[in-house]
Amino acid sequence: MPLAASVELDANTQALLMHGEDYAEFHAAFTEKRPPKWRGR
């Protein structure tokens, strides 16, 4: 896979993951200094 395509795929994947419930839970848990409660979403 060419580098440009790989970088684009990575950026798109990260953008999708940043909209999930687990991403919001990560930030809440980090801010509150507690373990995260993952839901797999």
Protein backbone atom coordinates (compact mmCIF):
# COMPACT_ATOMS: atom_id res chain seq x y z
CA MET A 1 0.00 0.00 0.00
CA PRO A 2 1.44 3.40 -0.92
CA LEU A 3 2.27 5.74 1.96
CA ALA A 4 -0.33 8.35 0.99
CA ALA A 5 -3.10 5.73 0.91
CA SER A 6 -1.94 4.34 4.24
CA VAL A 7 -1.98 7.78 5.87
CA GLU A 8 -5.45 8.48 4.47
CA LEU A 9 -6.77 5.12 5.72
CA ASP A 10 -5.32 5.79 9.18
CA ALA A 11 -6.87 9.27 9.34
CA ASN A 12 -10.29 7.96 8.28
CA THR A 13 -10.16 5.11 10.80
CA GLN A 14 -9.21 7.45 13.65
CA ALA A 15 -12.01 9.84 12.70
CA LEU A 16 -14.55 7.01 12.91
CA LEU A 17 -13.23 5.81 16.27
CA MET A 18 -13.35 9.30 17.78
CA HIS A 19 -17.15 9.34 17.47
CA GLY A 20 -17.79 6.22 19.54
CA GLU A 21 -19.04 5.95 23.11
CA ASP A 22 -15.76 4.41 24.25
CA TYR A 23 -13.84 7.48 23.11
CA ALA A 24 -16.08 9.74 25.20
CA GLU A 25 -15.72 7.33 28.14
CA PHE A 26 -11.93 7.45 27.78
CA HIS A 27 -11.92 11.23 28.16
CA ALA A 28 -14.38 11.19 31.07
CA ALA A 29 -12.41 8.51 32.90
CA PHE A 30 -9.10 10.28 32.30
CA THR A 31 -10.48 13.61 33.54
CA GLU A 32 -12.06 11.99 36.60
CA LYS A 33 -8.92 9.87 37.24
CA ARG A 34 -10.82 6.60 37.31
CA PRO A 35 -10.68 3.38 35.32
CA PRO A 36 -12.77 3.47 32.13
CA LYS A 37 -15.96 1.43 31.80
CA TRP A 38 -15.62 0.12 28.24
CA ARG A 39 -18.77 -0.87 26.36
CA GLY A 40 -17.23 -1.90 23.06
CA ARG A 41 -19.04 0.81 21.11
